[in-house]
Amino acid sequence: MVGIAAQAQVTQRGLTGEKRVTLYGLTWQGYQQILAALPETRGARLTYDCGTLEISVPSEEHEFSGRLIELFVRILVVELGLKLKTMGSTTLDREDLNRGAEPDNAYYIQNQPQVAGRKVDLKQDPPPDLIVEVDISKTDIDKNRLCASMGVPEFWRFDGQIWRIFQLNDERYVEVTHSPTFPGLEKADLYRFLVAAQQDEVAAEIGFRGWVKENLLAK
């Protein structure tokens, strides 16, 4: 029997968290049926982990952080002359692992040449090089374990206040202080960008682009 739990949480910091509905004891086939029944234009995102399905609806604070971190990554990639294939919240299903995810942002950077110009097939292609998740309210899914099982080399998590960077090491994540993908990038750089963007997103983008050119390109 499938169990159901629902929650809408406001964090202690005063940020409105995502609304979440969690289903327990759901088979892979059941998950796929729900996934197929939902419209492609839906705002909800699904995460499935070995029988547990979480359906989340992003809040304003969630979308603000997620979209700006996406811009943050794109600025870094463009200004540093790297490659990029943006996956966004594309469904990343691994039936062999009994897991599936629709992260906030997923990117191929180092492995972009392997998947450029075609649809990704995780049965034969590597996983995204970088996945980003914004979780302001509590999630019942162990997303570190989920992404590590998929072999994602770098995983960023942001809870509306704290940004954590994880690097895959022996099939487990180790928290690190610097991004392996963007050497020289400090955590404080994202915080400054997000704070500045709260007042003026365009000015924050222009300022950050200039900072990357002056500081990271010289290293």
N, C-alpha and C. Protein backbone atom coordinates (compact mmCIF):
# COMPACT_ATOMS: atom_id res chain seq x y z
N MET A 1 0.84 -1.20 0.00
CA MET A 1 0.00 0.00 0.00
C MET A 1 0.87 1.24 0.00
N VAL A 2 0.53 2.21 -0.80
CA VAL A 2 1.31 3.44 -0.91
C VAL A 2 0.93 4.39 0.22
N GLY A 3 1.94 4.85 0.96
CA GLY A 3 1.70 5.83 2.02
C GLY A 3 1.90 7.23 1.48
N ILE A 4 1.21 8.20 2.06
CA ILE A 4 1.27 9.58 1.57
C ILE A 4 1.54 10.51 2.74
N ALA A 5 2.44 11.45 2.52
CA ALA A 5 2.69 12.51 3.50
C ALA A 5 2.80 13.82 2.76
N ALA A 6 2.21 14.88 3.28
CA ALA A 6 2.27 16.19 2.63
C ALA A 6 2.79 17.20 3.62
N GLN A 7 3.54 18.18 3.09
CA GLN A 7 4.05 19.22 3.98
C GLN A 7 4.26 20.50 3.20
N ALA A 8 3.98 21.62 3.84
CA ALA A 8 4.31 22.95 3.32
C ALA A 8 4.98 23.66 4.48
N GLN A 9 6.23 24.03 4.29
CA GLN A 9 7.03 24.50 5.41
C GLN A 9 7.54 25.92 5.20
N VAL A 10 7.54 26.70 6.25
CA VAL A 10 8.18 28.00 6.27
C VAL A 10 9.39 27.88 7.18
N THR A 11 10.57 28.16 6.66
CA THR A 11 11.78 27.98 7.43
C THR A 11 11.89 29.02 8.53
N GLN A 12 12.78 28.75 9.47
CA GLN A 12 12.99 29.67 10.57
C GLN A 12 13.56 31.00 10.10
N ARG A 13 14.18 31.01 8.91
CA ARG A 13 14.74 32.24 8.38
C ARG A 13 13.67 33.12 7.76
N GLY A 14 12.42 32.65 7.74
CA GLY A 14 11.36 33.45 7.17
C GLY A 14 11.17 33.22 5.68
N LEU A 15 11.92 32.30 5.08
CA LEU A 15 11.77 31.98 3.67
C LEU A 15 10.66 30.95 3.49
N THR A 16 9.84 31.14 2.47
CA THR A 16 8.77 30.19 2.20
C THR A 16 9.34 29.01 1.43
N GLY A 17 9.21 27.83 2.02
CA GLY A 17 9.78 26.65 1.39
C GLY A 17 8.89 26.06 0.33
N GLU A 18 9.43 25.07 -0.37
CA GLU A 18 8.67 24.37 -1.40
C GLU A 18 7.54 23.57 -0.76
N LYS A 19 6.45 23.40 -1.48
CA LYS A 19 5.39 22.49 -1.06
C LYS A 19 5.75 21.09 -1.57
N ARG A 20 5.63 20.10 -0.69
CA ARG A 20 6.05 18.74 -1.06
C ARG A 20 4.96 17.73 -0.71
N VAL A 21 4.80 16.77 -1.59
CA VAL A 21 3.96 15.60 -1.33
C VAL A 21 4.85 14.38 -1.53
N THR A 22 4.85 13.48 -0.55
CA THR A 22 5.72 12.31 -0.60
C THR A 22 4.89 11.03 -0.61
N LEU A 23 5.19 10.13 -1.56
CA LEU A 23 4.54 8.83 -1.66
C LEU A 23 5.55 7.76 -1.31
N TYR A 24 5.15 6.81 -0.46
CA TYR A 24 6.04 5.74 -0.04
C TYR A 24 5.55 4.39 -0.58
N GLY A 25 6.48 3.47 -0.76
CA GLY A 25 6.12 2.13 -1.22
C GLY A 25 5.66 2.08 -2.65
N LEU A 26 6.19 2.95 -3.50
CA LEU A 26 5.77 3.03 -4.89
C LEU A 26 6.78 2.28 -5.77
N THR A 27 6.29 1.44 -6.65
CA THR A 27 7.18 0.70 -7.55
C THR A 27 7.69 1.61 -8.66
N TRP A 28 8.71 1.12 -9.35
CA TRP A 28 9.24 1.87 -10.50
C TRP A 28 8.16 2.06 -11.55
N GLN A 29 7.36 1.03 -11.78
CA GLN A 29 6.29 1.13 -12.77
C GLN A 29 5.25 2.17 -12.35
N GLY A 30 4.96 2.22 -11.05
CA GLY A 30 4.02 3.23 -10.54
C GLY A 30 4.56 4.64 -10.72
N TYR A 31 5.83 4.79 -10.45
CA TYR A 31 6.49 6.09 -10.65
C TYR A 31 6.42 6.51 -12.11
N GLN A 32 6.69 5.59 -13.02
CA GLN A 32 6.65 5.90 -14.44
C GLN A 32 5.23 6.25 -14.90
N GLN A 33 4.23 5.61 -14.32
CA GLN A 33 2.85 5.93 -14.68
C GLN A 33 2.49 7.34 -14.24
N ILE A 34 2.90 7.72 -13.05
CA ILE A 34 2.63 9.08 -12.56
C ILE A 34 3.37 10.08 -13.43
N LEU A 35 4.62 9.78 -13.74
CA LEU A 35 5.43 10.67 -14.57
C LEU A 35 4.78 10.89 -15.93
N ALA A 36 4.27 9.82 -16.53
CA ALA A 36 3.66 9.91 -17.85
C ALA A 36 2.32 10.63 -17.82
N ALA A 37 1.62 10.56 -16.68
CA ALA A 37 0.29 11.16 -16.58
C ALA A 37 0.36 12.67 -16.39
N LEU A 38 1.47 13.18 -15.90
CA LEU A 38 1.60 14.61 -15.65
C LEU A 38 1.97 15.35 -16.94
N PRO A 39 1.43 16.54 -17.15
CA PRO A 39 1.74 17.30 -18.38
C PRO A 39 3.19 17.76 -18.41
N GLU A 40 3.74 17.92 -19.61
CA GLU A 40 5.12 18.36 -19.74
C GLU A 40 5.31 19.79 -19.24
N THR A 41 4.23 20.57 -19.24
CA THR A 41 4.30 21.96 -18.82
C THR A 41 4.12 22.14 -17.31
N ARG A 42 4.09 21.04 -16.56
CA ARG A 42 3.86 21.12 -15.12
C ARG A 42 4.97 21.89 -14.42
N GLY A 43 4.61 22.51 -13.30
CA GLY A 43 5.61 23.21 -12.50
C GLY A 43 6.23 22.31 -11.45
N ALA A 44 5.55 21.20 -11.11
CA ALA A 44 6.05 20.29 -10.08
C ALA A 44 7.23 19.49 -10.61
N ARG A 45 8.12 19.11 -9.67
CA ARG A 45 9.28 18.29 -10.01
C ARG A 45 9.23 17.00 -9.21
N LEU A 46 9.65 15.91 -9.86
CA LEU A 46 9.59 14.59 -9.24
C LEU A 46 10.99 14.06 -8.92
N THR A 47 11.10 13.43 -7.76
CA THR A 47 12.33 12.75 -7.38
C THR A 47 11.94 11.38 -6.83
N TYR A 48 12.53 10.32 -7.40
CA TYR A 48 12.18 8.97 -7.00
C TYR A 48 13.42 8.26 -6.48
N ASP A 49 13.31 7.66 -5.32
CA ASP A 49 14.46 7.01 -4.70
C ASP A 49 14.02 5.70 -4.05
N CYS A 50 14.18 4.60 -4.80
CA CYS A 50 13.96 3.26 -4.25
C CYS A 50 12.64 3.11 -3.51
N GLY A 51 11.54 3.49 -4.17
CA GLY A 51 10.21 3.32 -3.60
C GLY A 51 9.59 4.57 -3.03
N THR A 52 10.38 5.62 -2.84
CA THR A 52 9.87 6.89 -2.31
C THR A 52 9.83 7.92 -3.43
N LEU A 53 8.65 8.49 -3.65
CA LEU A 53 8.48 9.52 -4.67
C LEU A 53 8.11 10.84 -4.00
N GLU A 54 8.88 11.87 -4.28
CA GLU A 54 8.58 13.20 -3.77
C GLU A 54 8.20 14.10 -4.93
N ILE A 55 7.07 14.76 -4.80
CA ILE A 55 6.60 15.74 -5.78
C ILE A 55 6.67 17.10 -5.11
N SER A 56 7.46 18.01 -5.66
CA SER A 56 7.64 19.31 -5.03
C SER A 56 7.22 20.42 -5.99
N VAL A 57 6.67 21.48 -5.41
CA VAL A 57 6.27 22.67 -6.17
C VAL A 57 7.13 23.83 -5.68
N PRO A 58 7.94 24.43 -6.56
CA PRO A 58 8.86 25.48 -6.13
C PRO A 58 8.12 26.72 -5.63
N SER A 59 8.74 27.38 -4.65
CA SER A 59 8.23 28.64 -4.14
C SER A 59 8.94 29.79 -4.86
N GLU A 60 8.52 31.03 -4.57
CA GLU A 60 9.18 32.19 -5.17
C GLU A 60 10.65 32.25 -4.79
N GLU A 61 10.94 32.00 -3.50
CA GLU A 61 12.33 32.03 -3.05
C GLU A 61 13.16 30.95 -3.72
N HIS A 62 12.56 29.78 -3.91
CA HIS A 62 13.23 28.69 -4.59
C HIS A 62 13.60 29.09 -6.02
N GLU A 63 12.64 29.61 -6.76
CA GLU A 63 12.87 29.98 -8.15
C GLU A 63 13.88 31.12 -8.27
N PHE A 64 13.82 32.07 -7.35
CA PHE A 64 14.79 33.18 -7.36
C PHE A 64 16.21 32.65 -7.25
N SER A 65 16.44 31.80 -6.27
CA SER A 65 17.78 31.26 -6.07
C SER A 65 18.20 30.36 -7.22
N GLY A 66 17.29 29.47 -7.66
CA GLY A 66 17.63 28.52 -8.71
C GLY A 66 17.97 29.20 -10.02
N ARG A 67 17.18 30.19 -10.42
CA ARG A 67 17.44 30.87 -11.69
C ARG A 67 18.72 31.69 -11.63
N LEU A 68 19.00 32.30 -10.49
CA LEU A 68 20.21 33.10 -10.38
C LEU A 68 21.46 32.22 -10.32
N ILE A 69 21.37 31.07 -9.66
CA ILE A 69 22.52 30.16 -9.67
C ILE A 69 22.75 29.65 -11.08
N GLU A 70 21.69 29.43 -11.84
CA GLU A 70 21.84 29.04 -13.24
C GLU A 70 22.59 30.11 -14.02
N LEU A 71 22.23 31.37 -13.81
CA LEU A 71 22.93 32.47 -14.46
C LEU A 71 24.38 32.54 -14.00
N PHE A 72 24.60 32.32 -12.73
CA PHE A 72 25.94 32.31 -12.13
C PHE A 72 26.82 31.28 -12.85
N VAL A 73 26.30 30.08 -13.05
CA VAL A 73 27.05 29.02 -13.72
C VAL A 73 27.33 29.40 -15.17
N ARG A 74 26.34 29.94 -15.86
CA ARG A 74 26.51 30.29 -17.27
C ARG A 74 27.56 31.37 -17.45
N ILE A 75 27.56 32.36 -16.58
CA ILE A 75 28.58 33.41 -16.65
C ILE A 75 29.96 32.80 -16.51
N LEU A 76 30.14 31.92 -15.54
CA LEU A 76 31.44 31.27 -15.33
C LEU A 76 31.87 30.48 -16.56
N VAL A 77 30.95 29.70 -17.11
CA VAL A 77 31.29 28.87 -18.27
C VAL A 77 31.67 29.74 -19.47
N VAL A 78 30.88 30.77 -19.74
CA VAL A 78 31.14 31.62 -20.90
C VAL A 78 32.45 32.37 -20.75
N GLU A 79 32.64 33.02 -19.60
CA GLU A 79 33.82 33.85 -19.42
C GLU A 79 35.10 33.03 -19.30
N LEU A 80 35.01 31.79 -18.84
CA LEU A 80 36.19 30.95 -18.71
C LEU A 80 36.45 30.12 -19.97
N GLY A 81 35.58 30.28 -20.98
CA GLY A 81 35.80 29.59 -22.24
C GLY A 81 35.56 28.10 -22.19
N LEU A 82 34.64 27.65 -21.33
CA LEU A 82 34.34 26.23 -21.21
C LEU A 82 33.19 25.84 -22.13
N LYS A 83 32.92 24.54 -22.23
CA LYS A 83 31.79 24.02 -23.00
C LYS A 83 30.58 23.86 -22.09
N LEU A 84 29.38 23.81 -22.69
CA LEU A 84 28.18 23.67 -21.86
C LEU A 84 27.04 23.03 -22.63
N LYS A 85 26.40 22.06 -22.01
CA LYS A 85 25.09 21.55 -22.45
C LYS A 85 24.19 21.61 -21.23
N THR A 86 23.18 22.48 -21.28
CA THR A 86 22.28 22.67 -20.16
C THR A 86 21.14 21.66 -20.21
N MET A 87 20.95 20.94 -19.11
CA MET A 87 19.89 19.95 -19.03
C MET A 87 18.69 20.46 -18.25
N GLY A 88 18.87 21.55 -17.50
CA GLY A 88 17.77 22.08 -16.70
C GLY A 88 17.23 21.04 -15.75
N SER A 89 15.89 20.88 -15.77
CA SER A 89 15.23 19.90 -14.91
C SER A 89 14.81 18.65 -15.68
N THR A 90 15.56 18.33 -16.73
CA THR A 90 15.30 17.11 -17.50
C THR A 90 15.25 15.90 -16.57
N THR A 91 14.29 15.01 -16.81
CA THR A 91 14.17 13.81 -15.98
C THR A 91 15.37 12.89 -16.21
N LEU A 92 16.07 12.60 -15.13
CA LEU A 92 17.23 11.71 -15.18
C LEU A 92 16.85 10.39 -14.54
N ASP A 93 16.40 9.45 -15.35
CA ASP A 93 15.92 8.16 -14.84
C ASP A 93 16.99 7.09 -14.98
N ARG A 94 17.16 6.31 -13.91
CA ARG A 94 18.05 5.15 -13.92
C ARG A 94 17.30 3.96 -13.35
N GLU A 95 16.63 3.22 -14.21
CA GLU A 95 15.85 2.07 -13.74
C GLU A 95 16.74 1.05 -13.06
N ASP A 96 17.99 0.93 -13.54
CA ASP A 96 18.90 -0.04 -12.95
C ASP A 96 19.24 0.29 -11.50
N LEU A 97 19.13 1.57 -11.15
CA LEU A 97 19.38 2.01 -9.77
C LEU A 97 18.09 2.19 -8.98
N ASN A 98 16.94 2.06 -9.66
CA ASN A 98 15.63 2.30 -9.06
C ASN A 98 15.55 3.74 -8.53
N ARG A 99 16.09 4.67 -9.35
CA ARG A 99 16.12 6.08 -8.95
C ARG A 99 15.89 6.98 -10.16
N GLY A 100 15.29 8.12 -9.89
CA GLY A 100 15.07 9.12 -10.94
C GLY A 100 15.00 10.49 -10.31
N ALA A 101 15.42 11.52 -11.05
CA ALA A 101 15.45 12.86 -10.48
C ALA A 101 15.18 13.91 -11.54
N GLU A 102 14.59 15.01 -11.11
CA GLU A 102 14.43 16.21 -11.93
C GLU A 102 15.04 17.36 -11.13
N PRO A 103 16.35 17.51 -11.19
CA PRO A 103 17.03 18.53 -10.38
C PRO A 103 16.70 19.92 -10.86
N ASP A 104 17.05 20.91 -10.06
CA ASP A 104 16.80 22.29 -10.48
C ASP A 104 17.63 22.64 -11.71
N ASN A 105 18.89 22.26 -11.69
CA ASN A 105 19.78 22.52 -12.82
C ASN A 105 20.77 21.38 -12.96
N ALA A 106 21.03 20.97 -14.20
CA ALA A 106 22.02 19.95 -14.46
C ALA A 106 22.81 20.36 -15.71
N TYR A 107 24.12 20.09 -15.68
CA TYR A 107 24.98 20.57 -16.77
C TYR A 107 26.01 19.53 -17.17
N TYR A 108 26.26 19.47 -18.48
CA TYR A 108 27.45 18.82 -18.99
C TYR A 108 28.45 19.91 -19.31
N ILE A 109 29.63 19.82 -18.74
CA ILE A 109 30.68 20.81 -18.98
C ILE A 109 31.93 20.10 -19.49
N GLN A 110 32.58 19.34 -18.64
CA GLN A 110 33.74 18.56 -19.07
C GLN A 110 33.35 17.54 -20.14
N ASN A 111 32.19 16.90 -19.98
CA ASN A 111 31.75 15.86 -20.91
C ASN A 111 30.82 16.38 -22.00
N GLN A 112 30.75 17.69 -22.16
CA GLN A 112 29.86 18.26 -23.17
C GLN A 112 30.12 17.72 -24.57
N PRO A 113 31.38 17.55 -24.99
CA PRO A 113 31.62 17.02 -26.34
C PRO A 113 31.02 15.63 -26.57
N GLN A 114 30.84 14.85 -25.51
CA GLN A 114 30.30 13.49 -25.67
C GLN A 114 28.80 13.47 -25.93
N VAL A 115 28.10 14.56 -25.55
CA VAL A 115 26.64 14.57 -25.68
C VAL A 115 26.13 15.75 -26.51
N ALA A 116 27.03 16.49 -27.11
CA ALA A 116 26.63 17.67 -27.88
C ALA A 116 25.78 17.30 -29.08
N GLY A 117 24.72 18.07 -29.29
CA GLY A 117 23.91 17.93 -30.50
C GLY A 117 22.96 16.76 -30.55
N ARG A 118 22.73 16.10 -29.42
CA ARG A 118 21.81 14.96 -29.43
C ARG A 118 21.19 14.78 -28.06
N LYS A 119 20.16 13.93 -28.01
CA LYS A 119 19.48 13.63 -26.76
C LYS A 119 20.35 12.70 -25.91
N VAL A 120 20.42 13.01 -24.63
CA VAL A 120 21.23 12.21 -23.71
C VAL A 120 20.52 10.89 -23.40
N ASP A 121 21.29 9.81 -23.37
CA ASP A 121 20.79 8.50 -22.99
C ASP A 121 21.67 8.00 -21.84
N LEU A 122 21.13 8.04 -20.62
CA LEU A 122 21.92 7.68 -19.45
C LEU A 122 22.28 6.20 -19.39
N LYS A 123 21.71 5.39 -20.28
CA LYS A 123 22.09 3.98 -20.33
C LYS A 123 23.49 3.82 -20.89
N GLN A 124 23.92 4.81 -21.68
CA GLN A 124 25.25 4.73 -22.28
C GLN A 124 26.08 5.98 -22.08
N ASP A 125 25.45 7.12 -21.80
CA ASP A 125 26.17 8.37 -21.62
C ASP A 125 26.53 8.59 -20.15
N PRO A 126 27.58 9.38 -19.90
CA PRO A 126 27.90 9.71 -18.51
C PRO A 126 26.83 10.61 -17.91
N PRO A 127 26.75 10.70 -16.59
CA PRO A 127 25.79 11.60 -15.95
C PRO A 127 26.24 13.04 -16.13
N PRO A 128 25.39 14.02 -15.84
CA PRO A 128 25.82 15.42 -15.88
C PRO A 128 27.04 15.64 -14.99
N ASP A 129 27.89 16.56 -15.38
CA ASP A 129 29.09 16.87 -14.60
C ASP A 129 28.77 17.64 -13.33
N LEU A 130 27.71 18.43 -13.37
CA LEU A 130 27.32 19.26 -12.23
C LEU A 130 25.81 19.28 -12.10
N ILE A 131 25.33 19.02 -10.90
CA ILE A 131 23.90 19.13 -10.59
C ILE A 131 23.73 20.12 -9.45
N VAL A 132 22.69 20.95 -9.56
CA VAL A 132 22.38 21.96 -8.54
C VAL A 132 20.98 21.70 -8.00
N GLU A 133 20.85 21.68 -6.68
CA GLU A 133 19.54 21.54 -6.04
C GLU A 133 19.33 22.66 -5.03
N VAL A 134 18.17 23.30 -5.09
CA VAL A 134 17.74 24.27 -4.10
C VAL A 134 16.63 23.62 -3.28
N ASP A 135 16.87 23.46 -2.00
CA ASP A 135 15.88 22.86 -1.10
C ASP A 135 15.75 23.75 0.13
N ILE A 136 14.75 24.62 0.13
CA ILE A 136 14.54 25.51 1.26
C ILE A 136 13.76 24.80 2.36
N SER A 137 12.77 24.02 1.97
CA SER A 137 12.06 23.20 2.95
C SER A 137 12.68 21.81 2.98
N LYS A 138 12.39 21.08 4.04
CA LYS A 138 13.00 19.76 4.26
C LYS A 138 12.49 18.76 3.22
N THR A 139 13.41 17.96 2.71
CA THR A 139 13.06 16.88 1.79
C THR A 139 13.32 15.54 2.45
N ASP A 140 12.46 14.56 2.17
CA ASP A 140 12.64 13.21 2.72
C ASP A 140 13.56 12.36 1.87
N ILE A 141 14.00 12.89 0.73
CA ILE A 141 14.89 12.15 -0.16
C ILE A 141 16.34 12.47 0.20
N ASP A 142 17.17 11.45 0.28
CA ASP A 142 18.61 11.65 0.48
C ASP A 142 19.22 11.94 -0.89
N LYS A 143 19.24 13.21 -1.26
CA LYS A 143 19.67 13.58 -2.60
C LYS A 143 21.17 13.40 -2.80
N ASN A 144 21.94 13.50 -1.73
CA ASN A 144 23.37 13.21 -1.86
C ASN A 144 23.59 11.76 -2.27
N ARG A 145 22.90 10.86 -1.62
CA ARG A 145 23.03 9.44 -1.96
C ARG A 145 22.52 9.17 -3.37
N LEU A 146 21.42 9.82 -3.73
CA LEU A 146 20.83 9.61 -5.05
C LEU A 146 21.80 10.05 -6.15
N CYS A 147 22.32 11.28 -6.06
CA CYS A 147 23.22 11.79 -7.10
C CYS A 147 24.54 11.04 -7.11
N ALA A 148 25.02 10.65 -5.93
CA ALA A 148 26.27 9.89 -5.87
C ALA A 148 26.10 8.54 -6.55
N SER A 149 24.94 7.90 -6.37
CA SER A 149 24.71 6.60 -7.00
C SER A 149 24.69 6.71 -8.51
N MET A 150 24.30 7.89 -9.02
CA MET A 150 24.30 8.12 -10.46
C MET A 150 25.67 8.49 -10.99
N GLY A 151 26.61 8.74 -10.09
CA GLY A 151 27.97 9.07 -10.52
C GLY A 151 28.19 10.51 -10.90
N VAL A 152 27.34 11.42 -10.39
CA VAL A 152 27.49 12.85 -10.70
C VAL A 152 28.75 13.38 -9.99
N PRO A 153 29.75 13.89 -10.72
CA PRO A 153 31.02 14.27 -10.11
C PRO A 153 30.93 15.42 -9.11
N GLU A 154 30.06 16.39 -9.38
CA GLU A 154 29.97 17.56 -8.50
C GLU A 154 28.50 17.91 -8.24
N PHE A 155 28.18 18.19 -6.99
CA PHE A 155 26.80 18.43 -6.57
C PHE A 155 26.77 19.67 -5.69
N TRP A 156 25.96 20.67 -6.09
CA TRP A 156 25.77 21.87 -5.29
C TRP A 156 24.41 21.82 -4.63
N ARG A 157 24.35 22.21 -3.35
CA ARG A 157 23.08 22.30 -2.63
C ARG A 157 22.99 23.68 -1.96
N PHE A 158 21.81 24.29 -2.08
CA PHE A 158 21.58 25.61 -1.50
C PHE A 158 20.24 25.60 -0.79
N ASP A 159 20.22 26.03 0.47
CA ASP A 159 18.99 26.01 1.26
C ASP A 159 18.39 27.40 1.48
N GLY A 160 18.80 28.35 0.65
CA GLY A 160 18.32 29.72 0.81
C GLY A 160 19.28 30.57 1.61
N GLN A 161 20.24 29.91 2.26
CA GLN A 161 21.22 30.63 3.06
C GLN A 161 22.63 30.07 2.90
N ILE A 162 22.76 28.75 2.90
CA ILE A 162 24.08 28.12 2.88
C ILE A 162 24.26 27.33 1.58
N TRP A 163 25.37 27.56 0.90
CA TRP A 163 25.75 26.85 -0.31
C TRP A 163 26.80 25.81 0.06
N ARG A 164 26.53 24.56 -0.30
CA ARG A 164 27.45 23.47 -0.01
C ARG A 164 27.88 22.81 -1.31
N ILE A 165 29.17 22.53 -1.43
CA ILE A 165 29.75 21.93 -2.62
C ILE A 165 30.23 20.52 -2.26
N PHE A 166 29.79 19.54 -3.05
CA PHE A 166 30.18 18.15 -2.80
C PHE A 166 30.91 17.60 -4.03
N GLN A 167 31.98 16.88 -3.78
CA GLN A 167 32.75 16.24 -4.83
C GLN A 167 32.71 14.73 -4.63
N LEU A 168 32.47 13.99 -5.72
CA LEU A 168 32.38 12.55 -5.63
C LEU A 168 33.75 11.93 -5.40
N ASN A 169 33.83 11.06 -4.39
CA ASN A 169 35.08 10.40 -4.04
C ASN A 169 34.75 8.98 -3.58
N ASP A 170 35.15 7.99 -4.40
CA ASP A 170 34.88 6.59 -4.06
C ASP A 170 33.39 6.34 -3.83
N GLU A 171 32.57 6.85 -4.77
CA GLU A 171 31.12 6.63 -4.79
C GLU A 171 30.39 7.33 -3.64
N ARG A 172 31.08 8.23 -2.95
CA ARG A 172 30.44 9.01 -1.88
C ARG A 172 30.85 10.46 -2.04
N TYR A 173 30.01 11.37 -1.53
CA TYR A 173 30.33 12.79 -1.62
C TYR A 173 31.14 13.24 -0.41
N VAL A 174 32.12 14.06 -0.71
CA VAL A 174 32.92 14.74 0.30
C VAL A 174 32.68 16.23 0.13
N GLU A 175 32.35 16.92 1.21
CA GLU A 175 32.14 18.36 1.11
C GLU A 175 33.48 19.07 0.96
N VAL A 176 33.55 19.98 -0.01
CA VAL A 176 34.78 20.71 -0.28
C VAL A 176 34.51 22.21 -0.22
N THR A 177 35.58 22.98 -0.11
CA THR A 177 35.42 24.43 0.00
C THR A 177 35.45 25.14 -1.34
N HIS A 178 36.00 24.48 -2.38
CA HIS A 178 36.10 25.09 -3.69
C HIS A 178 35.47 24.17 -4.75
N SER A 179 34.93 24.77 -5.78
CA SER A 179 34.34 23.99 -6.87
C SER A 179 35.42 23.36 -7.72
N PRO A 180 35.39 22.03 -7.91
CA PRO A 180 36.35 21.37 -8.81
C PRO A 180 36.20 21.84 -10.26
N THR A 181 34.98 22.20 -10.65
CA THR A 181 34.72 22.63 -12.02
C THR A 181 35.26 24.02 -12.29
N PHE A 182 35.20 24.89 -11.28
CA PHE A 182 35.62 26.28 -11.45
C PHE A 182 36.70 26.62 -10.43
N PRO A 183 37.94 26.23 -10.68
CA PRO A 183 39.04 26.49 -9.73
C PRO A 183 39.18 27.99 -9.43
N GLY A 184 39.42 28.29 -8.17
CA GLY A 184 39.57 29.68 -7.76
C GLY A 184 38.29 30.33 -7.30
N LEU A 185 37.15 29.64 -7.52
CA LEU A 185 35.87 30.19 -7.11
C LEU A 185 35.65 29.95 -5.63
N GLU A 186 35.34 31.01 -4.90
CA GLU A 186 35.09 30.92 -3.46
C GLU A 186 33.58 30.92 -3.20
N LYS A 187 33.18 30.34 -2.09
CA LYS A 187 31.77 30.36 -1.73
C LYS A 187 31.25 31.78 -1.58
N ALA A 188 32.08 32.67 -1.08
CA ALA A 188 31.68 34.06 -0.87
C ALA A 188 31.27 34.73 -2.18
N ASP A 189 31.80 34.24 -3.30
CA ASP A 189 31.49 34.85 -4.59
C ASP A 189 30.01 34.66 -4.95
N LEU A 190 29.47 33.46 -4.69
CA LEU A 190 28.05 33.23 -4.94
C LEU A 190 27.20 34.06 -3.99
N TYR A 191 27.57 34.12 -2.73
CA TYR A 191 26.80 34.88 -1.76
C TYR A 191 26.71 36.35 -2.16
N ARG A 192 27.84 36.93 -2.56
CA ARG A 192 27.85 38.34 -2.96
C ARG A 192 26.95 38.56 -4.18
N PHE A 193 27.01 37.61 -5.12
CA PHE A 193 26.19 37.72 -6.32
C PHE A 193 24.70 37.67 -5.98
N LEU A 194 24.30 36.73 -5.12
CA LEU A 194 22.89 36.60 -4.77
C LEU A 194 22.39 37.80 -3.99
N VAL A 195 23.20 38.32 -3.09
CA VAL A 195 22.81 39.51 -2.32
C VAL A 195 22.64 40.70 -3.25
N ALA A 196 23.59 40.91 -4.15
CA ALA A 196 23.51 42.03 -5.08
C ALA A 196 22.30 41.89 -6.00
N ALA A 197 21.98 40.66 -6.42
CA ALA A 197 20.87 40.42 -7.34
C ALA A 197 19.52 40.69 -6.69
N GLN A 198 19.44 40.65 -5.38
CA GLN A 198 18.18 40.95 -4.71
C GLN A 198 17.75 42.39 -4.97
N GLN A 199 18.71 43.26 -5.20
CA GLN A 199 18.40 44.66 -5.45
C GLN A 199 18.38 44.99 -6.94
N ASP A 200 19.29 44.38 -7.71
CA ASP A 200 19.38 44.68 -9.14
C ASP A 200 20.07 43.52 -9.85
N GLU A 201 19.29 42.68 -10.50
CA GLU A 201 19.85 41.48 -11.14
C GLU A 201 20.79 41.83 -12.30
N VAL A 202 20.44 42.85 -13.06
CA VAL A 202 21.27 43.23 -14.20
C VAL A 202 22.62 43.75 -13.74
N ALA A 203 22.61 44.62 -12.74
CA ALA A 203 23.87 45.16 -12.21
C ALA A 203 24.71 44.05 -11.60
N ALA A 204 24.06 43.08 -10.94
CA ALA A 204 24.79 41.96 -10.34
C ALA A 204 25.46 41.12 -11.42
N GLU A 205 24.75 40.89 -12.53
CA GLU A 205 25.33 40.11 -13.63
C GLU A 205 26.53 40.84 -14.24
N ILE A 206 26.38 42.12 -14.51
CA ILE A 206 27.48 42.89 -15.09
C ILE A 206 28.69 42.90 -14.16
N GLY A 207 28.42 43.11 -12.87
CA GLY A 207 29.51 43.16 -11.89
C GLY A 207 30.22 41.83 -11.77
N PHE A 208 29.47 40.73 -11.79
CA PHE A 208 30.09 39.41 -11.63
C PHE A 208 30.89 39.04 -12.87
N ARG A 209 30.39 39.37 -14.05
CA ARG A 209 31.15 39.10 -15.27
C ARG A 209 32.50 39.82 -15.22
N GLY A 210 32.47 41.06 -14.79
CA GLY A 210 33.70 41.82 -14.69
C GLY A 210 34.66 41.22 -13.68
N TRP A 211 34.10 40.75 -12.56
CA TRP A 211 34.94 40.15 -11.51
C TRP A 211 35.60 38.87 -12.01
N VAL A 212 34.85 38.04 -12.76
CA VAL A 212 35.41 36.80 -13.29
C VAL A 212 36.57 37.11 -14.23
N LYS A 213 36.40 38.08 -15.12
CA LYS A 213 37.45 38.44 -16.06
C LYS A 213 38.70 38.94 -15.35
N GLU A 214 38.51 39.70 -14.30
CA GLU A 214 39.65 40.30 -13.59
C GLU A 214 40.35 39.32 -12.66
N ASN A 215 39.59 38.36 -12.11
CA ASN A 215 40.15 37.51 -11.06
C ASN A 215 40.40 36.06 -11.49
N LEU A 216 39.43 35.43 -12.14
CA LEU A 216 39.58 34.02 -12.46
C LEU A 216 40.36 33.78 -13.74
N LEU A 217 40.21 34.66 -14.72
CA LEU A 217 40.92 34.48 -15.98
C LEU A 217 42.42 34.69 -15.81
N ALA A 218 42.79 35.45 -14.79
CA ALA A 218 44.21 35.74 -14.58
C ALA A 218 44.93 34.58 -13.89
N LYS A 219 44.15 33.61 -13.34
CA LYS A 219 44.76 32.51 -12.58
C LYS A 219 45.14 31.36 -13.50
